[in-house]
Amino acid sequence: MKITKKISKEFICEKLRTDTLWIKKALLLIYSKQTLSEQISKDTTEDNGVGFTGCDSKFLSSIALQLKRQVEYSVNSGLKEDEALRSVSLSDKQYEALKKSIPKYWGQVLNSCEEEKLEALIHISYGINNNWKSPKKKDMVHA
């Protein structure tokens, strides 16, 4: 079964509300799409359709920079990047804020995903077969 954009959006948004690894990866991904001047100033100055919105820029850039530094330190200490990303953490308040703000960036995450891998994850996670129907919003788990 072909995975539609609607199903992909539902899946990615759910992951960005509930999965700390997805949240951390998405935060660093979106931060990496900020221009260098935006990263330095922690402000959105260019209307280029990527990176953080103006209202999120300072706060999310600050958390992203903190996370990026922790990952770099762990990598320099001998961990592989994926292990480092799993091992570092943020405060509960930061995670709660990210669970509310990061899902709106689902489109940038989708555009950065390898289609085949994303489809495989969706099939595995939802147990999709030819009779599958998209979960209703009320049935989706929210953290």
Foldseek 3Di string as FASTA:
>chain_A
DDDDPVLLLVVLLLCQQPPQLSLLVLLLLQLVVAPPVCLVVLARDDPPPTHDDRVCRNVSSVVNVVLVVQLVVVVVVPDDSSVSSVPDDDDPVVSNVRSVPRSVCSVSVVVPDDSVVSVVVSCVVQVDDPPDDRDDPVPRDGD
